[in-house]
Amino acid sequence: MTKKERAAKATELLKELYPDALCSLEADDPFQLLVATRLSAQCTDARVNLVTPALFAKYPDAETMAEADVADVEAIIHSCGFFRQKARDIVETAKRIRDDFGGRVPDEIEVLVTLPGVGRKTANLIVGDVYGKPAVVADTHLIRISNRLGLVETKDPKKVEMQLRRLLDPAESNNFCHRCVLHGRAVCDARKPDCGGCTLNGVCKNRADKEKKTAKPQVKAPAAV
């Protein structure tokens, strides 16, 4: 099975298992999703979803966030971790969106990554979820699962993104990433994956390698004298 065939089969299996491939971050518009994704760095989506209602109630859009006191934003997002840098990035990003892009979140990866604190993972999420463009969100779950499946042999996020872009159906790539997040949380855990109950068993290189290692060597019968 080629990597492209493996990717297509994994896409099909995950689609059956998780028909609703949705981002777990809660947001009402592109700007709020951009902010929520920035907050999710080194923080769980569940925690971000607890924090953003108060943040967006006070600063719902780029225009209001651009005028925010950074210290006030820090106080609201404190529990998300790295709150000082995140607050600065969020306020500066809001200013850029207001002043340079007319209040509209850009729809191109190479433009998005020029915003403070916005990396390729965040940029891919925005262009994929908001603008419906082909995207590969190389988060920790996707990197882990794509390596275990044998689709990539690197943990470098950008390399994973570029290699998967060549393997995945562009129309399915963004949802494939969301489904890998769901599968990584539910089954393919970083420390103790439930390989026995995994729907990807038949296309998983890591599983096949484990079976080879544990297979008992066949003992040849002694030659007849």
Protein backbone atom coordinates (compact mmCIF):
# COMPACT_ATOMS: atom_id res chain seq x y z
CA MET A 1 0.00 0.00 0.00
CA THR A 2 1.44 3.39 -1.00
CA LYS A 3 1.36 6.34 1.37
CA LYS A 4 -1.33 7.99 -0.75
CA GLU A 5 -3.47 4.86 -0.64
CA ARG A 6 -2.90 4.60 3.12
CA ALA A 7 -3.93 8.24 3.53
CA ALA A 8 -7.09 7.74 1.47
CA LYS A 9 -8.10 4.68 3.48
CA ALA A 10 -7.39 6.39 6.80
CA THR A 11 -9.46 9.37 5.65
CA GLU A 12 -12.36 7.06 4.81
CA LEU A 13 -12.18 5.17 8.12
CA LEU A 14 -11.97 8.30 10.24
CA LYS A 15 -14.87 9.85 8.32
CA GLU A 16 -17.03 6.85 9.19
CA LEU A 17 -15.99 6.97 12.84
CA TYR A 18 -16.32 10.76 13.26
CA PRO A 19 -18.87 12.00 10.71
CA ASP A 20 -19.03 15.44 12.34
CA ALA A 21 -15.53 16.85 12.09
CA LEU A 22 -15.79 20.10 14.00
CA CYS A 23 -13.23 22.32 15.65
CA SER A 24 -13.70 22.07 19.41
CA LEU A 25 -12.94 25.76 19.95
CA GLU A 26 -16.09 27.87 20.33
CA ALA A 27 -16.26 31.13 18.39
CA ASP A 28 -18.87 33.19 16.57
CA ASP A 29 -16.75 34.65 13.78
CA PRO A 30 -13.27 34.55 12.16
CA PHE A 31 -11.72 37.05 14.57
CA GLN A 32 -12.95 35.19 17.64
CA LEU A 33 -11.69 31.88 16.24
CA LEU A 34 -8.29 33.48 15.60
CA VAL A 35 -8.13 34.70 19.20
CA ALA A 36 -9.32 31.38 20.62
CA THR A 37 -6.70 29.50 18.61
CA ARG A 38 -3.96 31.79 19.91
CA LEU A 39 -5.15 31.13 23.46
CA SER A 40 -5.12 27.37 22.87
CA ALA A 41 -1.31 27.24 22.58
CA GLN A 42 -0.05 25.15 25.52
CA CYS A 43 -3.61 25.07 26.83
CA THR A 44 -6.61 22.77 26.40
CA ASP A 45 -9.52 23.73 24.17
CA ALA A 46 -11.84 23.07 27.11
CA ARG A 47 -10.05 25.68 29.21
CA VAL A 48 -10.11 28.20 26.34
CA ASN A 49 -13.86 27.69 25.95
CA LEU A 50 -14.31 28.56 29.62
CA VAL A 51 -12.33 31.78 29.25
CA THR A 52 -13.49 33.22 25.91
CA PRO A 53 -17.14 34.00 26.81
CA ALA A 54 -16.02 36.70 29.26
CA LEU A 55 -13.32 37.93 26.88
CA PHE A 56 -15.64 38.21 23.89
CA ALA A 57 -18.45 39.73 25.95
CA LYS A 58 -16.12 42.66 26.62
CA TYR A 59 -14.10 42.65 23.38
CA PRO A 60 -16.22 40.98 20.68
CA ASP A 61 -14.34 42.14 17.59
CA ALA A 62 -11.06 43.50 16.29
CA GLU A 63 -12.13 47.12 16.75
CA THR A 64 -12.90 46.77 20.45
CA MET A 65 -9.95 44.44 21.12
CA ALA A 66 -7.57 46.89 19.48
CA GLU A 67 -8.53 49.48 22.11
CA ALA A 68 -8.26 47.04 25.03
CA ASP A 69 -5.91 47.53 27.95
CA VAL A 70 -3.43 44.67 27.72
CA ALA A 71 -3.46 44.29 31.51
CA ASP A 72 -7.22 43.79 31.43
CA VAL A 73 -6.92 41.11 28.75
CA GLU A 74 -4.21 39.46 30.84
CA ALA A 75 -6.54 39.29 33.82
CA ILE A 76 -9.32 37.67 31.79
CA ILE A 77 -7.13 35.04 30.07
CA HIS A 78 -4.83 34.39 33.02
CA SER A 79 -5.80 30.73 33.42
CA CYS A 80 -4.83 29.93 29.81
CA GLY A 81 -1.12 30.14 30.61
CA PHE A 82 1.53 32.39 29.02
CA PHE A 83 -1.13 35.05 29.44
CA ARG A 84 1.15 38.08 29.15
CA GLN A 85 2.51 37.18 25.71
CA LYS A 86 -0.88 35.97 24.52
CA ALA A 87 -2.55 39.21 25.63
CA ARG A 88 0.02 41.33 23.83
CA ASP A 89 -0.31 39.22 20.68
CA ILE A 90 -4.10 39.37 20.70
CA VAL A 91 -4.28 43.15 21.12
CA GLU A 92 -1.56 43.78 18.50
CA THR A 93 -3.23 41.36 16.07
CA ALA A 94 -6.52 43.21 16.55
CA LYS A 95 -4.81 46.50 15.71
CA ARG A 96 -3.29 45.01 12.55
CA ILE A 97 -6.63 43.57 11.42
CA ARG A 98 -8.36 46.89 12.08
CA ASP A 99 -5.71 49.11 10.53
CA ASP A 100 -4.24 46.99 7.73
CA PHE A 101 -7.10 44.71 6.70
CA GLY A 102 -10.22 46.80 7.23
CA GLY A 103 -11.41 44.66 10.13
CA ARG A 104 -11.43 41.46 8.09
CA VAL A 105 -9.31 38.46 9.06
CA PRO A 106 -7.04 37.60 6.09
CA ASP A 107 -7.74 34.41 4.13
CA GLU A 108 -4.18 33.56 3.06
CA ILE A 109 -1.71 31.57 5.14
CA GLU A 110 1.31 33.64 4.19
CA VAL A 111 -0.49 36.83 5.25
CA LEU A 112 -1.90 35.40 8.46
CA VAL A 113 1.52 34.30 9.69
CA THR A 114 2.66 37.93 9.67
CA LEU A 115 0.27 38.63 12.54
CA PRO A 116 1.71 38.53 16.09
CA GLY A 117 1.65 35.02 17.57
CA VAL A 118 0.05 33.46 14.49
CA GLY A 119 1.91 30.39 13.20
CA ARG A 120 1.10 28.03 10.38
CA LYS A 121 -1.12 25.83 12.55
CA THR A 122 -3.39 28.74 13.42
CA ALA A 123 -3.28 30.10 9.87
CA ASN A 124 -4.29 26.73 8.42
CA LEU A 125 -7.19 26.47 10.87
CA ILE A 126 -8.50 29.87 9.81
CA VAL A 127 -8.25 29.32 6.05
CA GLY A 128 -9.73 25.84 6.40
CA ASP A 129 -12.55 26.35 8.89
CA VAL A 130 -13.48 29.92 8.00
CA TYR A 131 -12.75 30.22 4.30
CA GLY A 132 -13.15 26.60 3.21
CA LYS A 133 -9.73 26.33 1.59
CA PRO A 134 -7.59 23.16 1.67
CA ALA A 135 -5.68 23.16 4.95
CA VAL A 136 -3.52 20.94 7.12
CA VAL A 137 -3.54 21.88 10.80
CA ALA A 138 -0.39 20.23 12.12
CA ASP A 139 -1.17 20.00 15.81
CA THR A 140 0.29 17.40 18.17
CA HIS A 141 -2.46 14.84 17.49
CA LEU A 142 -2.07 15.04 13.72
CA ILE A 143 1.71 14.82 13.95
CA ARG A 144 1.54 11.77 16.24
CA ILE A 145 -1.10 9.89 14.25
CA SER A 146 0.34 10.62 10.81
CA ASN A 147 3.71 9.31 12.02
CA ARG A 148 2.17 6.19 13.51
CA LEU A 149 0.22 5.54 10.33
CA GLY A 150 3.44 5.82 8.35
CA LEU A 151 2.31 8.80 6.29
CA VAL A 152 5.24 10.95 7.46
CA GLU A 153 8.55 10.36 9.22
CA THR A 154 9.06 13.72 10.89
CA LYS A 155 7.77 15.67 13.87
CA ASP A 156 8.50 19.05 12.31
CA PRO A 157 5.06 20.72 11.95
CA LYS A 158 5.78 22.48 8.66
CA LYS A 159 7.25 19.33 7.09
CA VAL A 160 4.25 17.32 8.27
CA GLU A 161 1.93 19.91 6.73
CA MET A 162 3.71 19.94 3.39
CA GLN A 163 4.01 16.16 3.15
CA LEU A 164 0.34 15.62 4.02
CA ARG A 165 -0.73 18.21 1.47
CA ARG A 166 0.76 15.91 -1.17
CA LEU A 167 -1.02 12.84 0.21
CA LEU A 168 -4.47 13.98 1.30
CA ASP A 169 -7.45 14.82 -0.86
CA PRO A 170 -7.58 18.66 -0.65
CA ALA A 171 -11.35 18.53 -0.14
CA GLU A 172 -10.88 16.25 2.90
CA SER A 173 -7.62 17.52 4.38
CA ASN A 174 -9.02 20.00 6.89
CA ASN A 175 -11.61 17.57 8.24
CA PHE A 176 -8.99 14.81 8.34
CA CYS A 177 -7.03 16.97 10.77
CA HIS A 178 -10.05 17.58 13.00
CA ARG A 179 -10.81 13.87 13.01
CA CYS A 180 -7.23 13.08 13.99
CA VAL A 181 -7.65 15.37 17.00
CA LEU A 182 -10.80 13.51 18.03
CA HIS A 183 -9.12 10.14 17.46
CA GLY A 184 -5.99 11.20 19.31
CA ARG A 185 -8.03 12.14 22.36
CA ALA A 186 -10.29 9.10 22.31
CA VAL A 187 -8.09 6.24 21.05
CA CYS A 188 -4.59 7.03 19.79
CA ASP A 189 -3.26 8.50 23.02
CA ALA A 190 0.32 9.73 23.15
CA ARG A 191 1.36 7.46 26.03
CA LYS A 192 -0.99 4.50 25.86
CA PRO A 193 -2.78 4.11 22.53
CA ASP A 194 -5.67 1.66 22.41
CA CYS A 195 -4.35 -0.22 19.38
CA GLY A 196 -6.66 -3.17 19.98
CA GLY A 197 -9.75 -1.02 19.65
CA CYS A 198 -8.49 1.22 16.87
CA THR A 199 -10.39 1.44 13.60
CA LEU A 200 -7.13 2.28 11.80
CA ASN A 201 -5.48 -1.06 12.63
CA GLY A 202 -5.50 -2.25 9.04
CA VAL A 203 -3.63 0.80 7.71
CA CYS A 204 -1.37 1.58 10.70
CA LYS A 205 2.33 1.03 10.10
CA ASN A 206 3.09 1.32 13.81
CA ARG A 207 0.61 -1.46 14.58
CA ALA A 208 2.07 -3.67 11.84
CA ASP A 209 5.59 -3.08 13.15
CA LYS A 210 4.52 -4.05 16.67
CA GLU A 211 2.97 -7.27 15.42
CA LYS A 212 6.16 -8.18 13.56
CA LYS A 213 8.22 -7.66 16.71
CA THR A 214 5.96 -9.78 18.88
CA ALA A 215 5.40 -12.56 16.35
CA LYS A 216 6.95 -15.85 17.50
CA PRO A 217 9.66 -17.12 15.17
CA GLN A 218 8.77 -20.33 13.42
CA VAL A 219 10.91 -23.29 14.47
CA LYS A 220 11.99 -25.42 11.56
CA ALA A 221 11.69 -29.15 11.92
CA PRO A 222 15.07 -30.96 11.99
CA ALA A 223 16.15 -32.31 8.64
CA ALA A 224 15.63 -36.03 8.13
CA VAL A 225 18.74 -38.13 8.54
